[in-house]
Amino acid sequence: MLIDSFLYSAMPDFLVEFINEPSLFEIFKLRYFLKGLFQRNIDLGLEEALREHLREPALKDTIHAF
């Protein structure tokens, strides 16, 4: 269940997509915002940063928030 795995995960993964290419500052700003919101360390990545052999399984398990 998503909630259980999120609550007990050591570091939840977030795959993000931006309309315009973000600056490094914007990526870090989002990471720290999510870290504060969920009160835990998070792993933040962009789709193009996924390794080729992990891309399809990761995208299959993706839950679109907004």
PDB file of N, CA and C in Angstrom:
ATOM      1  N   MET A   1       0.851  -1.173   0.000  1.00  0.00           N
ATOM      2  CA  MET A   1       0.000   0.000   0.000  1.00  0.00           C
ATOM      3  C   MET A   1       0.897   1.237   0.000  1.00  0.00           C
ATOM      4  N   LEU A   2       0.558   2.210  -0.790  1.00  0.00           N
ATOM      5  CA  LEU A   2       1.397   3.403  -0.945  1.00  0.00           C
ATOM      6  C   LEU A   2       1.651   4.097   0.388  1.00  0.00           C
ATOM      7  N   ILE A   3       0.617   4.305   1.169  1.00  0.00           N
ATOM      8  CA  ILE A   3       0.774   5.040   2.418  1.00  0.00           C
ATOM      9  C   ILE A   3       1.721   4.309   3.355  1.00  0.00           C
ATOM     10  N   ASP A   4       1.538   2.982   3.497  1.00  0.00           N
ATOM     11  CA  ASP A   4       2.417   2.213   4.372  1.00  0.00           C
ATOM     12  C   ASP A   4       3.857   2.265   3.890  1.00  0.00           C
ATOM     13  N   SER A   5       4.068   2.061   2.599  1.00  0.00           N
ATOM     14  CA  SER A   5       5.443   2.061   2.102  1.00  0.00           C
ATOM     15  C   SER A   5       6.060   3.453   2.216  1.00  0.00           C
ATOM     16  N   PHE A   6       5.257   4.481   2.049  1.00  0.00           N
ATOM     17  CA  PHE A   6       5.779   5.843   2.177  1.00  0.00           C
ATOM     18  C   PHE A   6       6.117   6.152   3.626  1.00  0.00           C
ATOM     19  N   LEU A   7       5.236   5.788   4.537  1.00  0.00           N
ATOM     20  CA  LEU A   7       5.465   6.104   5.942  1.00  0.00           C
ATOM     21  C   LEU A   7       6.677   5.394   6.511  1.00  0.00           C
ATOM     22  N   TYR A   8       6.942   4.185   6.034  1.00  0.00           N
ATOM     23  CA  TYR A   8       8.024   3.400   6.615  1.00  0.00           C
ATOM     24  C   TYR A   8       9.277   3.344   5.750  1.00  0.00           C
ATOM     25  N   SER A   9       9.230   3.971   4.598  1.00  0.00           N
ATOM     26  CA  SER A   9      10.395   3.990   3.729  1.00  0.00           C
ATOM     27  C   SER A   9      11.464   4.899   4.331  1.00  0.00           C
ATOM     28  N   ALA A  10      12.707   4.446   4.269  1.00  0.00           N
ATOM     29  CA  ALA A  10      13.802   5.250   4.809  1.00  0.00           C
ATOM     30  C   ALA A  10      13.946   6.553   4.033  1.00  0.00           C
ATOM     31  N   MET A  11      13.798   6.479   2.709  1.00  0.00           N
ATOM     32  CA  MET A  11      13.914   7.671   1.889  1.00  0.00           C
ATOM     33  C   MET A  11      12.991   7.508   0.675  1.00  0.00           C
ATOM     34  N   PRO A  12      11.804   8.096   0.729  1.00  0.00           N
ATOM     35  CA  PRO A  12      10.887   7.977  -0.413  1.00  0.00           C
ATOM     36  C   PRO A  12      11.487   8.585  -1.673  1.00  0.00           C
ATOM     37  N   ASP A  13      11.125   8.031  -2.813  1.00  0.00           N
ATOM     38  CA  ASP A  13      11.591   8.516  -4.104  1.00  0.00           C
ATOM     39  C   ASP A  13      10.523   9.391  -4.747  1.00  0.00           C
ATOM     40  N   PHE A  14      10.937  10.510  -5.305  1.00  0.00           N
ATOM     41  CA  PHE A  14      10.049  11.393  -6.047  1.00  0.00           C
ATOM     42  C   PHE A  14      10.640  11.587  -7.434  1.00  0.00           C
ATOM     43  N   LEU A  15       9.847  11.269  -8.445  1.00  0.00           N
ATOM     44  CA  LEU A  15      10.228  11.517  -9.824  1.00  0.00           C
ATOM     45  C   LEU A  15       9.442  12.746 -10.254  1.00  0.00           C
ATOM     46  N   VAL A  16      10.131  13.802 -10.621  1.00  0.00           N
ATOM     47  CA  VAL A  16       9.448  15.062 -10.926  1.00  0.00           C
ATOM     48  C   VAL A  16       9.601  15.422 -12.389  1.00  0.00           C
ATOM     49  N   GLU A  17       8.619  16.175 -12.865  1.00  0.00           N
ATOM     50  CA  GLU A  17       8.613  16.641 -14.236  1.00  0.00           C
ATOM     51  C   GLU A  17       8.282  18.132 -14.211  1.00  0.00           C
ATOM     52  N   PHE A  18       9.091  18.917 -14.894  1.00  0.00           N
ATOM     53  CA  PHE A  18       8.901  20.355 -14.956  1.00  0.00           C
ATOM     54  C   PHE A  18       8.433  20.760 -16.350  1.00  0.00           C
ATOM     55  N   ILE A  19       7.652  21.819 -16.442  1.00  0.00           N
ATOM     56  CA  ILE A  19       7.232  22.342 -17.742  1.00  0.00           C
ATOM     57  C   ILE A  19       8.438  22.935 -18.461  1.00  0.00           C
ATOM     58  N   ASN A  20       9.190  23.764 -17.750  1.00  0.00           N
ATOM     59  CA  ASN A  20      10.430  24.346 -18.281  1.00  0.00           C
ATOM     60  C   ASN A  20      11.604  23.718 -17.553  1.00  0.00           C
ATOM     61  N   GLU A  21      12.747  23.658 -18.207  1.00  0.00           N
ATOM     62  CA  GLU A  21      13.921  23.066 -17.577  1.00  0.00           C
ATOM     63  C   GLU A  21      14.289  23.845 -16.313  1.00  0.00           C
ATOM     64  N   PRO A  22      14.357  23.154 -15.168  1.00  0.00           N
ATOM     65  CA  PRO A  22      14.639  23.849 -13.912  1.00  0.00           C
ATOM     66  C   PRO A  22      16.131  24.113 -13.737  1.00  0.00           C
ATOM     67  N   SER A  23      16.414  25.122 -12.961  1.00  0.00           N
ATOM     68  CA  SER A  23      17.807  25.364 -12.583  1.00  0.00           C
ATOM     69  C   SER A  23      18.135  24.422 -11.430  1.00  0.00           C
ATOM     70  N   LEU A  24      19.400  24.278 -11.148  1.00  0.00           N
ATOM     71  CA  LEU A  24      19.816  23.448 -10.021  1.00  0.00           C
ATOM     72  C   LEU A  24      19.223  23.990  -8.723  1.00  0.00           C
ATOM     73  N   PHE A  25      19.152  25.309  -8.604  1.00  0.00           N
ATOM     74  CA  PHE A  25      18.566  25.942  -7.423  1.00  0.00           C
ATOM     75  C   PHE A  25      17.097  25.539  -7.268  1.00  0.00           C
ATOM     76  N   GLU A  26      16.334  25.516  -8.362  1.00  0.00           N
ATOM     77  CA  GLU A  26      14.913  25.141  -8.291  1.00  0.00           C
ATOM     78  C   GLU A  26      14.735  23.690  -7.867  1.00  0.00           C
ATOM     79  N   ILE A  27      15.610  22.814  -8.341  1.00  0.00           N
ATOM     80  CA  ILE A  27      15.537  21.401  -7.946  1.00  0.00           C
ATOM     81  C   ILE A  27      15.806  21.265  -6.450  1.00  0.00           C
ATOM     82  N   PHE A  28      16.851  21.931  -5.951  1.00  0.00           N
ATOM     83  CA  PHE A  28      17.153  21.861  -4.517  1.00  0.00           C
ATOM     84  C   PHE A  28      16.052  22.508  -3.679  1.00  0.00           C
ATOM     85  N   LYS A  29      15.476  23.589  -4.178  1.00  0.00           N
ATOM     86  CA  LYS A  29      14.384  24.257  -3.466  1.00  0.00           C
ATOM     87  C   LYS A  29      13.190  23.306  -3.320  1.00  0.00           C
ATOM     88  N   LEU A  30      12.853  22.587  -4.384  1.00  0.00           N
ATOM     89  CA  LEU A  30      11.758  21.614  -4.323  1.00  0.00           C
ATOM     90  C   LEU A  30      12.097  20.474  -3.374  1.00  0.00           C
ATOM     91  N   ARG A  31      13.333  20.002  -3.429  1.00  0.00           N
ATOM     92  CA  ARG A  31      13.752  18.906  -2.544  1.00  0.00           C
ATOM     93  C   ARG A  31      13.611  19.306  -1.077  1.00  0.00           C
ATOM     94  N   TYR A  32      14.052  20.484  -0.728  1.00  0.00           N
ATOM     95  CA  TYR A  32      13.951  20.928   0.665  1.00  0.00           C
ATOM     96  C   TYR A  32      12.510  21.220   1.066  1.00  0.00           C
ATOM     97  N   PHE A  33      11.692  21.684   0.131  1.00  0.00           N
ATOM     98  CA  PHE A  33      10.270  21.876   0.413  1.00  0.00           C
ATOM     99  C   PHE A  33       9.609  20.539   0.749  1.00  0.00           C
ATOM    100  N   LEU A  34       9.850  19.516  -0.094  1.00  0.00           N
ATOM    101  CA  LEU A  34       9.263  18.194   0.147  1.00  0.00           C
ATOM    102  C   LEU A  34       9.805  17.566   1.427  1.00  0.00           C
ATOM    103  N   LYS A  35      11.085  17.769   1.686  1.00  0.00           N
ATOM    104  CA  LYS A  35      11.687  17.256   2.918  1.00  0.00           C
ATOM    105  C   LYS A  35      10.993  17.852   4.141  1.00  0.00           C
ATOM    106  N   GLY A  36      10.718  19.139   4.122  1.00  0.00           N
ATOM    107  CA  GLY A  36      10.017  19.784   5.223  1.00  0.00           C
ATOM    108  C   GLY A  36       8.572  19.350   5.321  1.00  0.00           C
ATOM    109  N   LEU A  37       7.927  19.192   4.182  1.00  0.00           N
ATOM    110  CA  LEU A  37       6.525  18.790   4.148  1.00  0.00           C
ATOM    111  C   LEU A  37       6.325  17.397   4.735  1.00  0.00           C
ATOM    112  N   PHE A  38       7.188  16.463   4.370  1.00  0.00           N
ATOM    113  CA  PHE A  38       7.045  15.078   4.815  1.00  0.00           C
ATOM    114  C   PHE A  38       7.902  14.734   6.026  1.00  0.00           C
ATOM    115  N   GLN A  39       8.705  15.692   6.491  1.00  0.00           N
ATOM    116  CA  GLN A  39       9.541  15.500   7.679  1.00  0.00           C
ATOM    117  C   GLN A  39      10.454  14.279   7.566  1.00  0.00           C
ATOM    118  N   ARG A  40      11.081  14.124   6.412  1.00  0.00           N
ATOM    119  CA  ARG A  40      12.037  13.032   6.197  1.00  0.00           C
ATOM    120  C   ARG A  40      12.869  13.344   4.965  1.00  0.00           C
ATOM    121  N   ASN A  41      14.012  12.704   4.873  1.00  0.00           N
ATOM    122  CA  ASN A  41      14.843  12.856   3.682  1.00  0.00           C
ATOM    123  C   ASN A  41      14.116  12.238   2.495  1.00  0.00           C
ATOM    124  N   ILE A  42      14.287  12.807   1.338  1.00  0.00           N
ATOM    125  CA  ILE A  42      13.680  12.270   0.128  1.00  0.00           C
ATOM    126  C   ILE A  42      14.733  12.170  -0.959  1.00  0.00           C
ATOM    127  N   ASP A  43      14.456  11.340  -1.938  1.00  0.00           N
ATOM    128  CA  ASP A  43      15.306  11.217  -3.103  1.00  0.00           C
ATOM    129  C   ASP A  43      14.523  11.816  -4.261  1.00  0.00           C
ATOM    130  N   LEU A  44      15.063  12.828  -4.892  1.00  0.00           N
ATOM    131  CA  LEU A  44      14.375  13.558  -5.948  1.00  0.00           C
ATOM    132  C   LEU A  44      15.138  13.370  -7.250  1.00  0.00           C
ATOM    133  N   GLY A  45      14.426  12.981  -8.312  1.00  0.00           N
ATOM    134  CA  GLY A  45      15.097  12.777  -9.587  1.00  0.00           C
ATOM    135  C   GLY A  45      14.227  13.174 -10.762  1.00  0.00           C
ATOM    136  N   LEU A  46      14.867  13.360 -11.878  1.00  0.00           N
ATOM    137  CA  LEU A  46      14.186  13.662 -13.129  1.00  0.00           C
ATOM    138  C   LEU A  46      14.180  12.398 -13.995  1.00  0.00           C
ATOM    139  N   GLU A  47      13.162  12.265 -14.842  1.00  0.00           N
ATOM    140  CA  GLU A  47      13.033  11.054 -15.651  1.00  0.00           C
ATOM    141  C   GLU A  47      14.286  10.767 -16.467  1.00  0.00           C
ATOM    142  N   GLU A  48      14.866  11.794 -17.057  1.00  0.00           N
ATOM    143  CA  GLU A  48      16.048  11.565 -17.894  1.00  0.00           C
ATOM    144  C   GLU A  48      17.264  11.104 -17.088  1.00  0.00           C
ATOM    145  N   ALA A  49      17.211  11.238 -15.780  1.00  0.00           N
ATOM    146  CA  ALA A  49      18.320  10.784 -14.939  1.00  0.00           C
ATOM    147  C   ALA A  49      18.207   9.304 -14.574  1.00  0.00           C
ATOM    148  N   LEU A  50      17.050   8.696 -14.864  1.00  0.00           N
ATOM    149  CA  LEU A  50      16.873   7.269 -14.568  1.00  0.00           C
ATOM    150  C   LEU A  50      17.761   6.429 -15.476  1.00  0.00           C
ATOM    151  N   ARG A  51      18.358   5.412 -14.920  1.00  0.00           N
ATOM    152  CA  ARG A  51      19.148   4.498 -15.737  1.00  0.00           C
ATOM    153  C   ARG A  51      18.204   3.751 -16.665  1.00  0.00           C
ATOM    154  N   GLU A  52      18.688   3.452 -17.839  1.00  0.00           N
ATOM    155  CA  GLU A  52      17.857   2.849 -18.880  1.00  0.00           C
ATOM    156  C   GLU A  52      17.144   1.583 -18.402  1.00  0.00           C
ATOM    157  N   HIS A  53      17.847   0.713 -17.695  1.00  0.00           N
ATOM    158  CA  HIS A  53      17.226  -0.551 -17.261  1.00  0.00           C
ATOM    159  C   HIS A  53      16.228  -0.354 -16.116  1.00  0.00           C
ATOM    160  N   LEU A  54      16.232   0.796 -15.465  1.00  0.00           N
ATOM    161  CA  LEU A  54      15.287   1.086 -14.386  1.00  0.00           C
ATOM    162  C   LEU A  54      14.124   1.962 -14.828  1.00  0.00           C
ATOM    163  N   ARG A  55      14.252   2.578 -15.995  1.00  0.00           N
ATOM    164  CA  ARG A  55      13.254   3.553 -16.439  1.00  0.00           C
ATOM    165  C   ARG A  55      11.852   2.950 -16.546  1.00  0.00           C
ATOM    166  N   GLU A  56      11.703   1.868 -17.288  1.00  0.00           N
ATOM    167  CA  GLU A  56      10.373   1.288 -17.494  1.00  0.00           C
ATOM    168  C   GLU A  56       9.729   0.828 -16.183  1.00  0.00           C
ATOM    169  N   PRO A  57      10.429   0.061 -15.327  1.00  0.00           N
ATOM    170  CA  PRO A  57       9.801  -0.333 -14.054  1.00  0.00           C
ATOM    171  C   PRO A  57       9.455   0.859 -13.163  1.00  0.00           C
ATOM    172  N   ALA A  58      10.307   1.859 -13.144  1.00  0.00           N
ATOM    173  CA  ALA A  58      10.033   3.037 -12.302  1.00  0.00           C
ATOM    174  C   ALA A  58       8.827   3.803 -12.817  1.00  0.00           C
ATOM    175  N   LEU A  59       8.736   3.986 -14.120  1.00  0.00           N
ATOM    176  CA  LEU A  59       7.606   4.713 -14.686  1.00  0.00           C
ATOM    177  C   LEU A  59       6.314   3.922 -14.546  1.00  0.00           C
ATOM    178  N   LYS A  60       6.404   2.607 -14.561  1.00  0.00           N
ATOM    179  CA  LYS A  60       5.224   1.764 -14.373  1.00  0.00           C
ATOM    180  C   LYS A  60       4.654   1.925 -12.967  1.00  0.00           C
ATOM    181  N   ASP A  61       5.519   2.107 -11.984  1.00  0.00           N
ATOM    182  CA  ASP A  61       5.094   2.248 -10.577  1.00  0.00           C
ATOM    183  C   ASP A  61       4.801   3.690 -10.171  1.00  0.00           C
ATOM    184  N   THR A  62       4.932   4.614 -11.101  1.00  0.00           N
ATOM    185  CA  THR A  62       4.741   6.031 -10.791  1.00  0.00           C
ATOM    186  C   THR A  62       3.287   6.342 -10.504  1.00  0.00           C
ATOM    187  N   ILE A  63       3.080   7.145  -9.480  1.00  0.00           N
ATOM    188  CA  ILE A  63       1.747   7.650  -9.145  1.00  0.00           C
ATOM    189  C   ILE A  63       1.779   9.155  -9.386  1.00  0.00           C
ATOM    190  N   HIS A  64       0.958   9.623 -10.297  1.00  0.00           N
ATOM    191  CA  HIS A  64       0.935  11.052 -10.642  1.00  0.00           C
ATOM    192  C   HIS A  64       0.124  11.806  -9.594  1.00  0.00           C
ATOM    193  N   ALA A  65       0.772  12.777  -8.948  1.00  0.00           N
ATOM    194  CA  ALA A  65       0.113  13.548  -7.885  1.00  0.00           C
ATOM    195  C   ALA A  65      -0.615  14.748  -8.434  1.00  0.00           C
ATOM    196  N   PHE A  66      -0.010  15.502  -9.302  1.00  0.00           N
ATOM    197  CA  PHE A  66      -0.637  16.667  -9.948  1.00  0.00           C
ATOM    198  C   PHE A  66       0.234  17.157 -11.050  1.00  0.00           C
TER     199      PHE A  66
END
